[in-house]
Amino acid sequence: MITDTLIKGVDHVAIVVGNMDRSIKFYNEILGLKIHHDGRKEGGSKKSFLGSRSETLVALTEDENRGKSGAQFVEGVAHIAFSVDDVEKASKLLREKGVEFIEEKMDKDGKRKSYHFFDPDGLELEIYGKTGQIIPPY
């Protein structure tokens, strides 16, 4: 019998898109997701965050070469972030099970806020400690 689970939910799904304008229009106008942060104004990787009134559900990253030879990402999902109650406790449990982290992200105060790793098929996953912010503090 399972008394409690490590994973509490999906924090957000990061999706690589070929055209940010087209994707924001779809997620905002077609699916009705609110734009929390429009990354088109910043250039670079152009991360944009959309979701409900209170939380981000989708993080979009633009790669104009998506699906073409030489693309940085070839799949539609860049990673899936799972929310956990205690990110340090969860990371310790995963390490004990043989998980190797490929990236650890820190908060501005120097505390770890997320750990990235791969599933057996190479899909990037993340465990993420809630920060109380709507937009993940990348």
Protein backbone atom coordinates (compact mmCIF):
# COMPACT_ATOMS: atom_id res chain seq x y z
CA MET A 1 0.00 0.00 0.00
CA ILE A 2 1.34 3.43 -0.94
CA THR A 3 0.92 5.92 1.90
CA ASP A 4 2.33 8.99 0.16
CA THR A 5 3.97 9.83 -3.13
CA LEU A 6 7.15 11.69 -3.94
CA ILE A 7 5.68 13.44 -6.98
CA LYS A 8 2.82 15.82 -6.18
CA GLY A 9 1.94 17.01 -9.67
CA VAL A 10 3.22 18.49 -12.89
CA ASP A 11 4.44 22.03 -12.40
CA HIS A 12 4.72 22.90 -16.10
CA VAL A 13 5.45 21.32 -19.46
CA ALA A 14 8.26 22.93 -21.47
CA ILE A 15 7.54 22.73 -25.17
CA VAL A 16 9.95 23.55 -27.98
CA VAL A 17 8.15 25.38 -30.77
CA GLY A 18 9.22 26.35 -34.28
CA ASN A 19 7.47 29.73 -34.26
CA MET A 20 6.76 31.61 -31.02
CA ASP A 21 4.15 33.95 -32.55
CA ARG A 22 2.12 31.05 -33.89
CA SER A 23 2.40 29.07 -30.65
CA ILE A 24 1.48 31.93 -28.33
CA LYS A 25 -1.54 32.65 -30.51
CA PHE A 26 -2.59 28.98 -30.31
CA TYR A 27 -2.10 28.52 -26.55
CA ASN A 28 -3.59 31.92 -25.70
CA GLU A 29 -6.39 32.32 -28.23
CA ILE A 30 -7.29 28.69 -28.96
CA LEU A 31 -6.69 27.06 -25.57
CA GLY A 32 -7.41 30.15 -23.50
CA LEU A 33 -4.19 30.17 -21.47
CA LYS A 34 -3.21 33.51 -19.93
CA ILE A 35 0.15 34.96 -20.97
CA HIS A 36 2.19 35.34 -17.77
CA HIS A 37 5.42 36.29 -19.53
CA ASP A 38 5.93 37.05 -23.21
CA GLY A 39 9.57 36.17 -23.95
CA ARG A 40 9.44 37.51 -27.52
CA LYS A 41 10.36 40.93 -26.16
CA GLU A 42 13.67 39.61 -24.80
CA GLY A 43 15.13 37.70 -27.77
CA GLY A 44 17.51 34.86 -27.08
CA SER A 45 15.76 31.61 -26.20
CA LYS A 46 12.47 33.50 -26.01
CA LYS A 47 10.93 31.61 -23.09
CA SER A 48 7.25 32.44 -22.74
CA PHE A 49 5.02 31.23 -19.92
CA LEU A 50 1.28 30.67 -20.13
CA GLY A 51 -1.24 29.14 -17.76
CA SER A 52 -4.23 29.62 -15.53
CA ARG A 53 -4.78 32.72 -13.43
CA SER A 54 -2.69 31.35 -10.59
CA GLU A 55 -0.03 29.11 -12.14
CA THR A 56 2.12 28.48 -15.18
CA LEU A 57 1.21 25.34 -17.11
CA VAL A 58 3.24 25.70 -20.31
CA ALA A 59 6.74 27.10 -20.90
CA LEU A 60 7.47 27.70 -24.59
CA THR A 61 10.99 27.90 -26.01
CA GLU A 62 11.55 28.83 -29.64
CA ASP A 63 13.88 26.86 -31.89
CA GLU A 64 13.28 27.93 -35.49
CA ASN A 65 15.15 24.79 -36.62
CA ARG A 66 12.76 22.45 -34.78
CA GLY A 67 12.31 19.41 -36.95
CA LYS A 68 15.15 20.42 -39.29
CA SER A 69 18.66 19.04 -39.50
CA GLY A 70 20.86 20.72 -36.89
CA ALA A 71 18.01 21.56 -34.50
CA GLN A 72 18.93 21.77 -30.83
CA PHE A 73 15.67 20.00 -29.93
CA VAL A 74 13.88 17.59 -32.22
CA GLU A 75 11.05 16.47 -29.97
CA GLY A 76 8.05 18.59 -29.05
CA VAL A 77 8.60 18.49 -25.28
CA ALA A 78 11.87 19.83 -23.86
CA HIS A 79 11.22 18.58 -20.31
CA ILE A 80 8.50 17.87 -17.79
CA ALA A 81 8.72 19.50 -14.36
CA PHE A 82 7.21 17.66 -11.40
CA SER A 83 6.43 19.64 -8.27
CA VAL A 84 7.56 18.21 -4.94
CA ASP A 85 7.00 19.34 -1.34
CA ASP A 86 10.72 19.29 -0.43
CA VAL A 87 13.14 19.47 -3.36
CA GLU A 88 16.19 18.54 -1.25
CA LYS A 89 14.51 15.48 0.26
CA ALA A 90 13.24 14.42 -3.16
CA SER A 91 16.69 14.86 -4.76
CA LYS A 92 18.26 12.74 -2.01
CA LEU A 93 15.74 9.96 -2.59
CA LEU A 94 16.35 10.03 -6.33
CA ARG A 95 20.14 9.96 -5.86
CA GLU A 96 19.72 6.94 -3.59
CA LYS A 97 17.88 5.25 -6.46
CA GLY A 98 20.77 5.91 -8.84
CA VAL A 99 19.51 9.03 -10.61
CA GLU A 100 22.28 11.28 -11.91
CA PHE A 101 21.40 14.96 -12.21
CA ILE A 102 22.40 16.83 -15.35
CA GLU A 103 21.64 20.28 -13.94
CA GLU A 104 20.88 21.91 -10.61
CA LYS A 105 19.31 25.37 -10.58
CA MET A 106 19.64 27.77 -7.67
CA ASP A 107 17.40 30.49 -6.30
CA LYS A 108 18.69 34.03 -5.92
CA ASP A 109 19.32 33.24 -2.23
CA GLY A 110 21.63 30.35 -3.22
CA LYS A 111 19.24 27.53 -2.33
CA ARG A 112 18.61 24.78 -4.87
CA LYS A 113 15.19 25.04 -6.44
CA SER A 114 15.28 22.33 -9.10
CA TYR A 115 17.13 19.29 -10.35
CA HIS A 116 17.13 18.04 -13.96
CA PHE A 117 17.70 14.44 -15.07
CA PHE A 118 16.78 12.02 -17.87
CA ASP A 119 14.26 9.22 -17.94
CA PRO A 120 15.31 5.88 -19.51
CA ASP A 121 14.35 7.11 -22.99
CA GLY A 122 16.31 10.36 -22.72
CA LEU A 123 13.37 12.69 -21.97
CA GLU A 124 14.51 15.43 -19.62
CA LEU A 125 12.63 15.58 -16.33
CA GLU A 126 12.79 18.08 -13.47
CA ILE A 127 11.83 18.05 -9.81
CA TYR A 128 10.89 21.50 -8.70
CA GLY A 129 10.31 22.99 -5.26
CA LYS A 130 7.41 25.39 -5.17
CA THR A 131 8.47 29.03 -4.80
CA GLY A 132 5.07 30.65 -4.57
CA GLN A 133 5.70 32.44 -7.86
CA ILE A 134 3.49 32.07 -10.93
CA ILE A 135 6.45 32.13 -13.35
CA PRO A 136 9.31 29.72 -12.59
CA PRO A 137 12.36 31.83 -11.65
CA TYR A 138 14.80 30.65 -14.33
